[in-house]
Amino acid sequence: MRLTRAESKAANRRALIDAAREVVGKEGSQAKLEHIAELAGLTTGAVYSLFGGKNDLMVAMVEDYTGPLDLRQIEDCGQGLSLEEVVAEVARRFQRMSADPDAVGKLLFETRVLDLVLNDPELLGKLNASIRSTEVGLAALFTGRGHDGAPVTEKQAVRLARALKGLLSGLGQSVVLGVHEGSEEFFVDVAHALITPKVLGPA
């Protein structure tokens, strides 16, 4: 069946983002626009037409990447669950992703992205915005959950999300690198240790 103009445009955007991710994963900041377009089966002109240029394509690639934790997989956590139960589920998923054979490739890609953005202030700003957006999404899972007799406020949830993401990302990288195995139980115990008045802060 023939694609509509909109469908063709969306397919080409997807192909270029996927190609950019693969090339950046191998070449980091040395990634060439020509290589990306060739891998996608398109021309460099298509990149300029769809994204405006290489930098905007890199921005789209960074924004498209869900990071070490795809929040869409845990958004269905029931509202009746406590804060501790949801934090435990997040920790388990981090551990499983870290132990997955594909985790090595994901870590390499993230390293290459850092190489790319640290040489580009504009792109670094976009990555920071994407990271903050992920933290806000994670905080949304915590906001309103019961803890210690009261619902967690949005401000408390953001503080916990930031600390939890940093901690679990570090633990996950250690697992990928083979520093330690890190069981699900250990990840959950460490994550629960963050649920303290000092970390949550005032309501």
N, C-alpha and C. Protein backbone atom coordinates (compact mmCIF):
# COMPACT_ATOMS: atom_id res chain seq x y z
N MET A 1 0.83 -1.18 0.00
CA MET A 1 0.00 0.00 0.00
C MET A 1 0.88 1.26 0.00
N ARG A 2 0.51 2.23 -0.80
CA ARG A 2 1.28 3.46 -0.92
C ARG A 2 1.13 4.32 0.33
N LEU A 3 2.26 4.82 0.83
CA LEU A 3 2.24 5.66 2.03
C LEU A 3 1.76 7.07 1.69
N THR A 4 1.05 7.68 2.62
CA THR A 4 0.68 9.07 2.45
C THR A 4 1.93 9.92 2.65
N ARG A 5 1.83 11.18 2.30
CA ARG A 5 2.96 12.09 2.46
C ARG A 5 3.39 12.17 3.93
N ALA A 6 2.41 12.24 4.82
CA ALA A 6 2.70 12.33 6.25
C ALA A 6 3.35 11.05 6.75
N GLU A 7 2.86 9.90 6.29
CA GLU A 7 3.43 8.62 6.70
C GLU A 7 4.85 8.46 6.19
N SER A 8 5.08 8.88 4.96
CA SER A 8 6.43 8.81 4.38
C SER A 8 7.39 9.71 5.15
N LYS A 9 6.94 10.89 5.51
CA LYS A 9 7.77 11.82 6.27
C LYS A 9 8.12 11.24 7.64
N ALA A 10 7.12 10.65 8.30
CA ALA A 10 7.34 10.05 9.62
C ALA A 10 8.30 8.87 9.53
N ALA A 11 8.16 8.06 8.46
CA ALA A 11 9.04 6.91 8.27
C ALA A 11 10.48 7.35 8.04
N ASN A 12 10.65 8.41 7.25
CA ASN A 12 12.00 8.92 6.98
C ASN A 12 12.63 9.51 8.24
N ARG A 13 11.83 10.22 9.02
CA ARG A 13 12.33 10.76 10.30
C ARG A 13 12.81 9.63 11.20
N ARG A 14 11.99 8.57 11.27
CA ARG A 14 12.34 7.43 12.12
C ARG A 14 13.62 6.78 11.64
N ALA A 15 13.74 6.61 10.32
CA ALA A 15 14.93 5.97 9.75
C ALA A 15 16.18 6.79 10.04
N LEU A 16 16.08 8.11 9.96
CA LEU A 16 17.24 8.96 10.22
C LEU A 16 17.62 8.96 11.69
N ILE A 17 16.64 8.97 12.57
CA ILE A 17 16.93 8.94 14.01
C ILE A 17 17.59 7.62 14.38
N ASP A 18 17.06 6.52 13.85
CA ASP A 18 17.65 5.20 14.14
C ASP A 18 19.07 5.11 13.58
N ALA A 19 19.26 5.65 12.37
CA ALA A 19 20.60 5.62 11.76
C ALA A 19 21.56 6.49 12.56
N ALA A 20 21.09 7.65 13.00
CA ALA A 20 21.93 8.55 13.79
C ALA A 20 22.36 7.86 15.08
N ARG A 21 21.44 7.16 15.69
CA ARG A 21 21.78 6.45 16.93
C ARG A 21 22.86 5.40 16.69
N GLU A 22 22.74 4.68 15.59
CA GLU A 22 23.73 3.63 15.29
C GLU A 22 25.09 4.23 14.98
N VAL A 23 25.11 5.29 14.17
CA VAL A 23 26.39 5.90 13.79
C VAL A 23 27.04 6.59 14.99
N VAL A 24 26.25 7.32 15.75
CA VAL A 24 26.80 7.99 16.94
C VAL A 24 27.30 6.95 17.94
N GLY A 25 26.61 5.81 18.03
CA GLY A 25 27.05 4.75 18.92
C GLY A 25 28.43 4.22 18.57
N LYS A 26 28.81 4.34 17.29
CA LYS A 26 30.12 3.87 16.84
C LYS A 26 31.16 4.99 16.79
N GLU A 27 30.73 6.19 16.39
CA GLU A 27 31.69 7.25 16.10
C GLU A 27 31.64 8.44 17.06
N GLY A 28 30.62 8.51 17.92
CA GLY A 28 30.53 9.61 18.87
C GLY A 28 30.48 10.96 18.18
N SER A 29 31.28 11.90 18.64
CA SER A 29 31.28 13.26 18.09
C SER A 29 31.83 13.32 16.67
N GLN A 30 32.45 12.24 16.21
CA GLN A 30 33.00 12.20 14.85
C GLN A 30 31.97 11.72 13.82
N ALA A 31 30.73 11.49 14.26
CA ALA A 31 29.69 11.00 13.37
C ALA A 31 29.48 11.95 12.20
N LYS A 32 29.45 11.42 11.00
CA LYS A 32 29.29 12.21 9.78
C LYS A 32 27.85 12.14 9.29
N LEU A 33 27.34 13.27 8.87
CA LEU A 33 25.98 13.35 8.37
C LEU A 33 25.79 12.44 7.16
N GLU A 34 26.82 12.37 6.33
CA GLU A 34 26.74 11.53 5.14
C GLU A 34 26.55 10.06 5.50
N HIS A 35 27.27 9.61 6.55
CA HIS A 35 27.15 8.21 6.97
C HIS A 35 25.75 7.92 7.49
N ILE A 36 25.20 8.88 8.23
CA ILE A 36 23.85 8.70 8.79
C ILE A 36 22.82 8.60 7.68
N ALA A 37 22.89 9.53 6.73
CA ALA A 37 21.93 9.54 5.63
C ALA A 37 22.04 8.26 4.79
N GLU A 38 23.28 7.83 4.53
CA GLU A 38 23.49 6.61 3.73
C GLU A 38 22.91 5.40 4.43
N LEU A 39 23.13 5.29 5.73
CA LEU A 39 22.61 4.15 6.48
C LEU A 39 21.09 4.15 6.48
N ALA A 40 20.48 5.34 6.49
CA ALA A 40 19.02 5.44 6.47
C ALA A 40 18.44 5.24 5.08
N GLY A 41 19.32 5.17 4.08
CA GLY A 41 18.85 5.02 2.71
C GLY A 41 18.29 6.31 2.14
N LEU A 42 18.77 7.44 2.67
CA LEU A 42 18.28 8.75 2.24
C LEU A 42 19.46 9.65 1.89
N THR A 43 19.18 10.87 1.49
CA THR A 43 20.22 11.82 1.15
C THR A 43 20.40 12.82 2.28
N THR A 44 21.52 13.53 2.24
CA THR A 44 21.72 14.58 3.26
C THR A 44 20.66 15.67 3.10
N GLY A 45 20.16 15.83 1.90
CA GLY A 45 19.10 16.80 1.68
C GLY A 45 17.86 16.47 2.49
N ALA A 46 17.60 15.18 2.67
CA ALA A 46 16.44 14.75 3.47
C ALA A 46 16.62 15.17 4.92
N VAL A 47 17.86 15.13 5.39
CA VAL A 47 18.14 15.55 6.77
C VAL A 47 17.79 17.02 6.95
N TYR A 48 18.23 17.84 6.01
CA TYR A 48 17.95 19.28 6.10
C TYR A 48 16.46 19.56 5.94
N SER A 49 15.80 18.78 5.10
CA SER A 49 14.38 18.99 4.87
C SER A 49 13.55 18.60 6.10
N LEU A 50 13.94 17.52 6.75
CA LEU A 50 13.15 17.01 7.88
C LEU A 50 13.56 17.59 9.22
N PHE A 51 14.85 17.92 9.37
CA PHE A 51 15.34 18.37 10.67
C PHE A 51 15.97 19.77 10.66
N GLY A 52 16.34 20.24 9.49
CA GLY A 52 16.98 21.55 9.43
C GLY A 52 18.49 21.49 9.46
N GLY A 53 19.05 20.33 9.80
CA GLY A 53 20.49 20.18 9.85
C GLY A 53 20.91 19.07 10.80
N LYS A 54 22.21 18.82 10.84
CA LYS A 54 22.74 17.73 11.67
C LYS A 54 22.45 17.96 13.15
N ASN A 55 22.63 19.19 13.63
CA ASN A 55 22.47 19.43 15.05
C ASN A 55 21.05 19.14 15.52
N ASP A 56 20.06 19.55 14.71
CA ASP A 56 18.66 19.29 15.08
C ASP A 56 18.35 17.80 15.01
N LEU A 57 19.02 17.08 14.11
CA LEU A 57 18.86 15.63 14.06
C LEU A 57 19.44 15.02 15.34
N MET A 58 20.58 15.53 15.79
CA MET A 58 21.18 15.03 17.03
C MET A 58 20.27 15.31 18.22
N VAL A 59 19.65 16.47 18.21
CA VAL A 59 18.70 16.81 19.27
C VAL A 59 17.54 15.81 19.27
N ALA A 60 17.00 15.54 18.09
CA ALA A 60 15.88 14.60 17.97
C ALA A 60 16.30 13.21 18.45
N MET A 61 17.52 12.82 18.11
CA MET A 61 18.02 11.51 18.53
C MET A 61 18.12 11.43 20.05
N VAL A 62 18.66 12.48 20.67
CA VAL A 62 18.79 12.52 22.13
C VAL A 62 17.43 12.50 22.80
N GLU A 63 16.51 13.30 22.26
CA GLU A 63 15.17 13.37 22.85
C GLU A 63 14.40 12.06 22.67
N ASP A 64 14.69 11.35 21.59
CA ASP A 64 13.99 10.10 21.30
C ASP A 64 14.44 8.97 22.21
N TYR A 65 15.69 9.06 22.66
CA TYR A 65 16.23 8.00 23.50
C TYR A 65 15.60 8.07 24.88
N THR A 66 15.02 6.97 25.34
CA THR A 66 14.32 6.98 26.62
C THR A 66 15.25 6.88 27.82
N GLY A 67 16.52 6.64 27.57
CA GLY A 67 17.46 6.52 28.67
C GLY A 67 17.43 5.13 29.28
N PRO A 68 18.06 4.96 30.44
CA PRO A 68 18.15 3.63 31.02
C PRO A 68 16.83 3.07 31.50
N LEU A 69 15.83 3.94 31.66
CA LEU A 69 14.54 3.44 32.14
C LEU A 69 13.42 4.02 31.29
N ASP A 70 12.65 3.14 30.65
CA ASP A 70 11.50 3.56 29.87
C ASP A 70 10.31 3.64 30.80
N LEU A 71 9.91 4.86 31.15
CA LEU A 71 8.83 5.05 32.11
C LEU A 71 7.50 4.53 31.61
N ARG A 72 7.36 4.40 30.30
CA ARG A 72 6.10 3.91 29.76
C ARG A 72 5.79 2.51 30.24
N GLN A 73 6.83 1.77 30.62
CA GLN A 73 6.63 0.39 31.07
C GLN A 73 6.06 0.30 32.48
N ILE A 74 6.15 1.38 33.24
CA ILE A 74 5.68 1.30 34.63
C ILE A 74 4.62 2.34 34.94
N GLU A 75 4.10 3.01 33.92
CA GLU A 75 3.07 4.02 34.15
C GLU A 75 1.76 3.40 34.61
N ASP A 76 1.63 2.08 34.42
CA ASP A 76 0.38 1.44 34.82
C ASP A 76 0.38 1.00 36.27
N CYS A 77 1.37 1.46 37.06
CA CYS A 77 1.38 1.13 38.49
C CYS A 77 0.10 1.67 39.11
N GLY A 78 -0.63 0.83 39.79
CA GLY A 78 -1.90 1.23 40.38
C GLY A 78 -1.75 2.36 41.38
N GLN A 79 -2.74 3.24 41.41
CA GLN A 79 -2.69 4.37 42.34
C GLN A 79 -2.79 3.91 43.79
N GLY A 80 -3.24 2.68 44.01
CA GLY A 80 -3.36 2.20 45.38
C GLY A 80 -2.04 1.74 45.99
N LEU A 81 -0.99 1.67 45.17
CA LEU A 81 0.31 1.22 45.67
C LEU A 81 0.97 2.32 46.50
N SER A 82 1.72 1.91 47.50
CA SER A 82 2.43 2.87 48.34
C SER A 82 3.69 3.36 47.63
N LEU A 83 4.30 4.39 48.16
CA LEU A 83 5.54 4.92 47.60
C LEU A 83 6.61 3.82 47.60
N GLU A 84 6.71 3.09 48.68
CA GLU A 84 7.72 2.03 48.79
C GLU A 84 7.54 0.97 47.71
N GLU A 85 6.29 0.62 47.41
CA GLU A 85 6.02 -0.41 46.41
C GLU A 85 6.41 0.06 45.01
N VAL A 86 6.13 1.32 44.69
CA VAL A 86 6.46 1.84 43.36
C VAL A 86 7.97 2.00 43.21
N VAL A 87 8.63 2.49 44.26
CA VAL A 87 10.09 2.63 44.23
C VAL A 87 10.74 1.26 44.03
N ALA A 88 10.19 0.24 44.69
CA ALA A 88 10.72 -1.11 44.54
C ALA A 88 10.59 -1.60 43.10
N GLU A 89 9.46 -1.29 42.46
CA GLU A 89 9.26 -1.70 41.07
C GLU A 89 10.24 -1.00 40.14
N VAL A 90 10.47 0.28 40.36
CA VAL A 90 11.45 1.02 39.56
C VAL A 90 12.84 0.40 39.73
N ALA A 91 13.20 0.08 40.96
CA ALA A 91 14.52 -0.50 41.24
C ALA A 91 14.67 -1.86 40.56
N ARG A 92 13.63 -2.68 40.60
CA ARG A 92 13.69 -3.99 39.96
C ARG A 92 13.91 -3.86 38.45
N ARG A 93 13.22 -2.91 37.85
CA ARG A 93 13.35 -2.74 36.41
C ARG A 93 14.74 -2.24 36.02
N PHE A 94 15.31 -1.37 36.84
CA PHE A 94 16.68 -0.93 36.60
C PHE A 94 17.62 -2.12 36.65
N GLN A 95 17.44 -2.98 37.64
CA GLN A 95 18.33 -4.14 37.78
C GLN A 95 18.21 -5.08 36.59
N ARG A 96 16.98 -5.32 36.16
CA ARG A 96 16.76 -6.23 35.03
C ARG A 96 17.38 -5.68 33.75
N MET A 97 17.23 -4.39 33.53
CA MET A 97 17.83 -3.79 32.34
C MET A 97 19.35 -3.84 32.39
N SER A 98 19.90 -3.67 33.58
CA SER A 98 21.35 -3.69 33.73
C SER A 98 21.91 -5.09 33.48
N ALA A 99 21.14 -6.11 33.84
CA ALA A 99 21.59 -7.49 33.67
C ALA A 99 21.31 -8.02 32.27
N ASP A 100 20.56 -7.27 31.47
CA ASP A 100 20.22 -7.69 30.11
C ASP A 100 21.47 -7.66 29.22
N PRO A 101 21.64 -8.65 28.34
CA PRO A 101 22.81 -8.66 27.45
C PRO A 101 22.92 -7.42 26.58
N ASP A 102 21.79 -6.77 26.26
CA ASP A 102 21.81 -5.57 25.43
C ASP A 102 22.29 -4.33 26.18
N ALA A 103 22.46 -4.45 27.50
CA ALA A 103 22.82 -3.30 28.31
C ALA A 103 24.20 -2.75 27.94
N VAL A 104 25.10 -3.60 27.50
CA VAL A 104 26.45 -3.15 27.11
C VAL A 104 26.36 -2.16 25.95
N GLY A 105 25.56 -2.51 24.94
CA GLY A 105 25.40 -1.63 23.79
C GLY A 105 24.75 -0.31 24.17
N LYS A 106 23.79 -0.35 25.08
CA LYS A 106 23.12 0.88 25.52
C LYS A 106 24.08 1.78 26.27
N LEU A 107 24.90 1.18 27.12
CA LEU A 107 25.88 1.97 27.87
C LEU A 107 26.89 2.61 26.93
N LEU A 108 27.31 1.86 25.92
CA LEU A 108 28.26 2.40 24.94
C LEU A 108 27.63 3.58 24.21
N PHE A 109 26.36 3.43 23.84
CA PHE A 109 25.67 4.53 23.15
C PHE A 109 25.61 5.77 24.04
N GLU A 110 25.27 5.58 25.30
CA GLU A 110 25.18 6.72 26.22
C GLU A 110 26.53 7.40 26.37
N THR A 111 27.60 6.62 26.38
CA THR A 111 28.95 7.18 26.47
C THR A 111 29.26 8.02 25.23
N ARG A 112 28.88 7.51 24.07
CA ARG A 112 29.12 8.23 22.81
C ARG A 112 28.31 9.52 22.77
N VAL A 113 27.09 9.47 23.30
CA VAL A 113 26.25 10.67 23.33
C VAL A 113 26.90 11.74 24.20
N LEU A 114 27.45 11.32 25.32
CA LEU A 114 28.13 12.28 26.19
C LEU A 114 29.32 12.91 25.47
N ASP A 115 30.04 12.08 24.72
CA ASP A 115 31.16 12.59 23.92
C ASP A 115 30.67 13.64 22.92
N LEU A 116 29.50 13.39 22.38
CA LEU A 116 28.92 14.29 21.39
C LEU A 116 28.46 15.60 22.03
N VAL A 117 27.69 15.52 23.11
CA VAL A 117 27.07 16.73 23.67
C VAL A 117 28.04 17.60 24.46
N LEU A 118 29.08 17.00 25.03
CA LEU A 118 30.02 17.80 25.81
C LEU A 118 30.83 18.76 24.94
N ASN A 119 30.78 18.54 23.64
CA ASN A 119 31.47 19.43 22.70
C ASN A 119 30.50 20.42 22.05
N ASP A 120 29.27 20.42 22.51
CA ASP A 120 28.25 21.27 21.90
C ASP A 120 27.33 21.82 22.98
N PRO A 121 27.54 23.05 23.42
CA PRO A 121 26.73 23.64 24.50
C PRO A 121 25.22 23.60 24.23
N GLU A 122 24.83 23.83 22.99
CA GLU A 122 23.39 23.82 22.67
C GLU A 122 22.82 22.42 22.85
N LEU A 123 23.54 21.43 22.35
CA LEU A 123 23.08 20.05 22.47
C LEU A 123 23.11 19.59 23.92
N LEU A 124 24.11 20.05 24.67
CA LEU A 124 24.18 19.72 26.09
C LEU A 124 22.96 20.25 26.82
N GLY A 125 22.54 21.45 26.45
CA GLY A 125 21.34 22.02 27.05
C GLY A 125 20.10 21.19 26.76
N LYS A 126 20.02 20.69 25.53
CA LYS A 126 18.89 19.84 25.16
C LYS A 126 18.90 18.53 25.94
N LEU A 127 20.10 17.96 26.11
CA LEU A 127 20.21 16.71 26.87
C LEU A 127 19.81 16.95 28.32
N ASN A 128 20.26 18.06 28.88
CA ASN A 128 19.88 18.38 30.26
C ASN A 128 18.37 18.51 30.41
N ALA A 129 17.75 19.15 29.41
CA ALA A 129 16.29 19.30 29.44
C ALA A 129 15.61 17.93 29.36
N SER A 130 16.18 17.03 28.54
CA SER A 130 15.62 15.69 28.41
C SER A 130 15.76 14.91 29.72
N ILE A 131 16.91 15.08 30.38
CA ILE A 131 17.13 14.40 31.66
C ILE A 131 16.15 14.91 32.71
N ARG A 132 15.97 16.24 32.73
CA ARG A 132 15.02 16.81 33.70
C ARG A 132 13.60 16.34 33.42
N SER A 133 13.28 16.20 32.14
CA SER A 133 11.95 15.72 31.77
C SER A 133 11.73 14.29 32.27
N THR A 134 12.77 13.47 32.17
CA THR A 134 12.68 12.10 32.66
C THR A 134 12.48 12.08 34.17
N GLU A 135 13.18 12.97 34.87
CA GLU A 135 13.02 13.06 36.32
C GLU A 135 11.61 13.47 36.69
N VAL A 136 11.06 14.41 35.93
CA VAL A 136 9.69 14.85 36.19
C VAL A 136 8.71 13.70 35.95
N GLY A 137 8.95 12.93 34.90
CA GLY A 137 8.10 11.78 34.62
C GLY A 137 8.16 10.74 35.73
N LEU A 138 9.36 10.50 36.23
CA LEU A 138 9.52 9.56 37.33
C LEU A 138 8.86 10.10 38.59
N ALA A 139 9.01 11.39 38.83
CA ALA A 139 8.39 12.01 40.01
C ALA A 139 6.87 11.90 39.96
N ALA A 140 6.32 11.95 38.74
CA ALA A 140 4.86 11.85 38.60
C ALA A 140 4.35 10.50 39.10
N LEU A 141 5.20 9.48 39.01
CA LEU A 141 4.81 8.15 39.52
C LEU A 141 4.75 8.14 41.05
N PHE A 142 5.51 9.05 41.67
CA PHE A 142 5.59 9.07 43.14
C PHE A 142 4.61 10.04 43.78
N THR A 143 4.28 11.11 43.07
CA THR A 143 3.44 12.16 43.63
C THR A 143 2.07 11.62 44.06
N GLY A 144 1.71 11.95 45.28
CA GLY A 144 0.41 11.53 45.81
C GLY A 144 0.41 10.15 46.46
N ARG A 145 1.51 9.41 46.33
CA ARG A 145 1.58 8.09 46.95
C ARG A 145 1.64 8.23 48.46
N GLY A 146 1.01 7.30 49.15
CA GLY A 146 1.02 7.33 50.61
C GLY A 146 2.37 6.95 51.17
N HIS A 147 2.85 7.74 52.13
CA HIS A 147 4.10 7.42 52.82
C HIS A 147 4.08 8.07 54.20
N ASP A 148 4.30 7.25 55.20
CA ASP A 148 4.37 7.76 56.57
C ASP A 148 3.11 8.53 56.95
N GLY A 149 1.98 8.04 56.49
CA GLY A 149 0.71 8.64 56.89
C GLY A 149 0.28 9.85 56.10
N ALA A 150 1.01 10.22 55.06
CA ALA A 150 0.65 11.40 54.27
C ALA A 150 1.03 11.19 52.80
N PRO A 151 0.35 11.86 51.88
CA PRO A 151 0.71 11.73 50.46
C PRO A 151 2.01 12.48 50.16
N VAL A 152 2.80 11.94 49.27
CA VAL A 152 4.05 12.58 48.86
C VAL A 152 3.72 13.77 47.97
N THR A 153 4.30 14.92 48.25
CA THR A 153 4.04 16.11 47.45
C THR A 153 4.88 16.06 46.17
N GLU A 154 4.53 16.91 45.22
CA GLU A 154 5.27 16.97 43.96
C GLU A 154 6.73 17.35 44.20
N LYS A 155 6.96 18.30 45.11
CA LYS A 155 8.32 18.74 45.41
C LYS A 155 9.14 17.58 46.00
N GLN A 156 8.55 16.85 46.91
CA GLN A 156 9.24 15.70 47.50
C GLN A 156 9.50 14.62 46.45
N ALA A 157 8.54 14.41 45.58
CA ALA A 157 8.67 13.38 44.55
C ALA A 157 9.82 13.70 43.59
N VAL A 158 9.98 14.98 43.24
CA VAL A 158 11.07 15.38 42.35
C VAL A 158 12.42 15.14 43.01
N ARG A 159 12.54 15.48 44.28
CA ARG A 159 13.80 15.26 45.00
C ARG A 159 14.13 13.77 45.05
N LEU A 160 13.14 12.94 45.33
CA LEU A 160 13.37 11.50 45.39
C LEU A 160 13.72 10.95 44.01
N ALA A 161 13.00 11.40 42.98
CA ALA A 161 13.24 10.92 41.62
C ALA A 161 14.67 11.21 41.19
N ARG A 162 15.15 12.41 41.48
CA ARG A 162 16.50 12.81 41.10
C ARG A 162 17.55 11.93 41.79
N ALA A 163 17.36 11.72 43.08
CA ALA A 163 18.30 10.90 43.84
C ALA A 163 18.25 9.44 43.39
N LEU A 164 17.04 8.95 43.18
CA LEU A 164 16.86 7.55 42.81
C LEU A 164 17.45 7.26 41.43
N LYS A 165 17.20 8.15 40.48
CA LYS A 165 17.72 7.95 39.13
C LYS A 165 19.24 7.94 39.13
N GLY A 166 19.84 8.88 39.87
CA GLY A 166 21.30 8.93 39.93
C GLY A 166 21.89 7.69 40.56
N LEU A 167 21.28 7.26 41.65
CA LEU A 167 21.79 6.09 42.36
C LEU A 167 21.64 4.81 41.55
N LEU A 168 20.46 4.58 41.00
CA LEU A 168 20.22 3.35 40.26
C LEU A 168 20.99 3.31 38.94
N SER A 169 21.19 4.47 38.32
CA SER A 169 22.00 4.51 37.10
C SER A 169 23.44 4.09 37.40
N GLY A 170 23.97 4.60 38.51
CA GLY A 170 25.33 4.24 38.91
C GLY A 170 25.46 2.76 39.23
N LEU A 171 24.49 2.23 39.97
CA LEU A 171 24.51 0.80 40.29
C LEU A 171 24.38 -0.04 39.02
N GLY A 172 23.51 0.42 38.13
CA GLY A 172 23.31 -0.32 36.88
C GLY A 172 24.57 -0.36 36.04
N GLN A 173 25.29 0.74 35.96
CA GLN A 173 26.54 0.76 35.20
C GLN A 173 27.56 -0.19 35.80
N SER A 174 27.58 -0.28 37.12
CA SER A 174 28.50 -1.21 37.77
C SER A 174 28.18 -2.65 37.40
N VAL A 175 26.90 -2.96 37.29
CA VAL A 175 26.49 -4.31 36.89
C VAL A 175 26.92 -4.58 35.44
N VAL A 176 26.67 -3.61 34.56
CA VAL A 176 27.04 -3.77 33.14
C VAL A 176 28.55 -3.98 33.01
N LEU A 177 29.34 -3.24 33.80
CA LEU A 177 30.79 -3.33 33.72
C LEU A 177 31.35 -4.56 34.44
N GLY A 178 30.49 -5.29 35.13
CA GLY A 178 30.93 -6.50 35.82
C GLY A 178 31.59 -6.25 37.16
N VAL A 179 31.40 -5.03 37.71
CA VAL A 179 31.99 -4.73 39.02
C VAL A 179 31.33 -5.58 40.09
N HIS A 180 30.01 -5.72 40.00
CA HIS A 180 29.29 -6.61 40.91
C HIS A 180 28.03 -7.09 40.21
N GLU A 181 27.39 -8.12 40.74
CA GLU A 181 26.20 -8.68 40.10
C GLU A 181 24.95 -7.89 40.46
N GLY A 182 24.81 -7.46 41.71
CA GLY A 182 23.68 -6.63 42.09
C GLY A 182 22.33 -7.29 41.87
N SER A 183 21.83 -8.02 42.86
CA SER A 183 20.55 -8.70 42.73
C SER A 183 19.40 -7.69 42.79
N GLU A 184 18.21 -8.12 42.38
CA GLU A 184 17.03 -7.27 42.47
C GLU A 184 16.80 -6.84 43.92
N GLU A 185 16.99 -7.78 44.83
CA GLU A 185 16.78 -7.48 46.25
C GLU A 185 17.71 -6.37 46.72
N PHE A 186 18.96 -6.40 46.26
CA PHE A 186 19.92 -5.37 46.66
C PHE A 186 19.50 -4.01 46.09
N PHE A 187 19.10 -3.98 44.82
CA PHE A 187 18.65 -2.73 44.21
C PHE A 187 17.45 -2.16 44.98
N VAL A 188 16.52 -3.02 45.35
CA VAL A 188 15.33 -2.56 46.08
C VAL A 188 15.72 -2.03 47.45
N ASP A 189 16.59 -2.75 48.15
CA ASP A 189 17.01 -2.31 49.48
C ASP A 189 17.70 -0.95 49.44
N VAL A 190 18.57 -0.76 48.46
CA VAL A 190 19.28 0.51 48.33
C VAL A 190 18.31 1.63 47.96
N ALA A 191 17.38 1.33 47.05
CA ALA A 191 16.39 2.34 46.65
C ALA A 191 15.52 2.75 47.83
N HIS A 192 15.10 1.78 48.62
CA HIS A 192 14.28 2.08 49.80
C HIS A 192 15.04 2.93 50.82
N ALA A 193 16.35 2.78 50.85
CA ALA A 193 17.16 3.54 51.81
C ALA A 193 17.12 5.04 51.52
N LEU A 194 16.70 5.41 50.30
CA LEU A 194 16.61 6.83 49.95
C LEU A 194 15.33 7.48 50.47
N ILE A 195 14.36 6.68 50.83
CA ILE A 195 13.08 7.23 51.27
C ILE A 195 13.23 7.67 52.73
N THR A 196 13.85 8.81 52.91
CA THR A 196 14.09 9.37 54.24
C THR A 196 13.64 10.82 54.28
N PRO A 197 13.41 11.36 55.45
CA PRO A 197 13.00 12.77 55.55
C PRO A 197 14.02 13.72 54.93
N LYS A 198 15.33 13.41 55.06
CA LYS A 198 16.34 14.30 54.51
C LYS A 198 16.30 14.33 52.98
N VAL A 199 16.07 13.18 52.36
CA VAL A 199 16.01 13.12 50.91
C VAL A 199 14.71 13.75 50.40
N LEU A 200 13.59 13.38 51.02
CA LEU A 200 12.30 13.89 50.58
C LEU A 200 12.18 15.39 50.84
N GLY A 201 12.72 15.84 51.94
CA GLY A 201 12.63 17.26 52.26
C GLY A 201 11.24 17.61 52.77
N PRO A 202 11.02 18.88 53.05
CA PRO A 202 9.71 19.31 53.57
C PRO A 202 8.62 19.20 52.52
N ALA A 203 7.40 19.03 52.95
CA ALA A 203 6.27 18.95 52.04
C ALA A 203 6.02 20.30 51.38
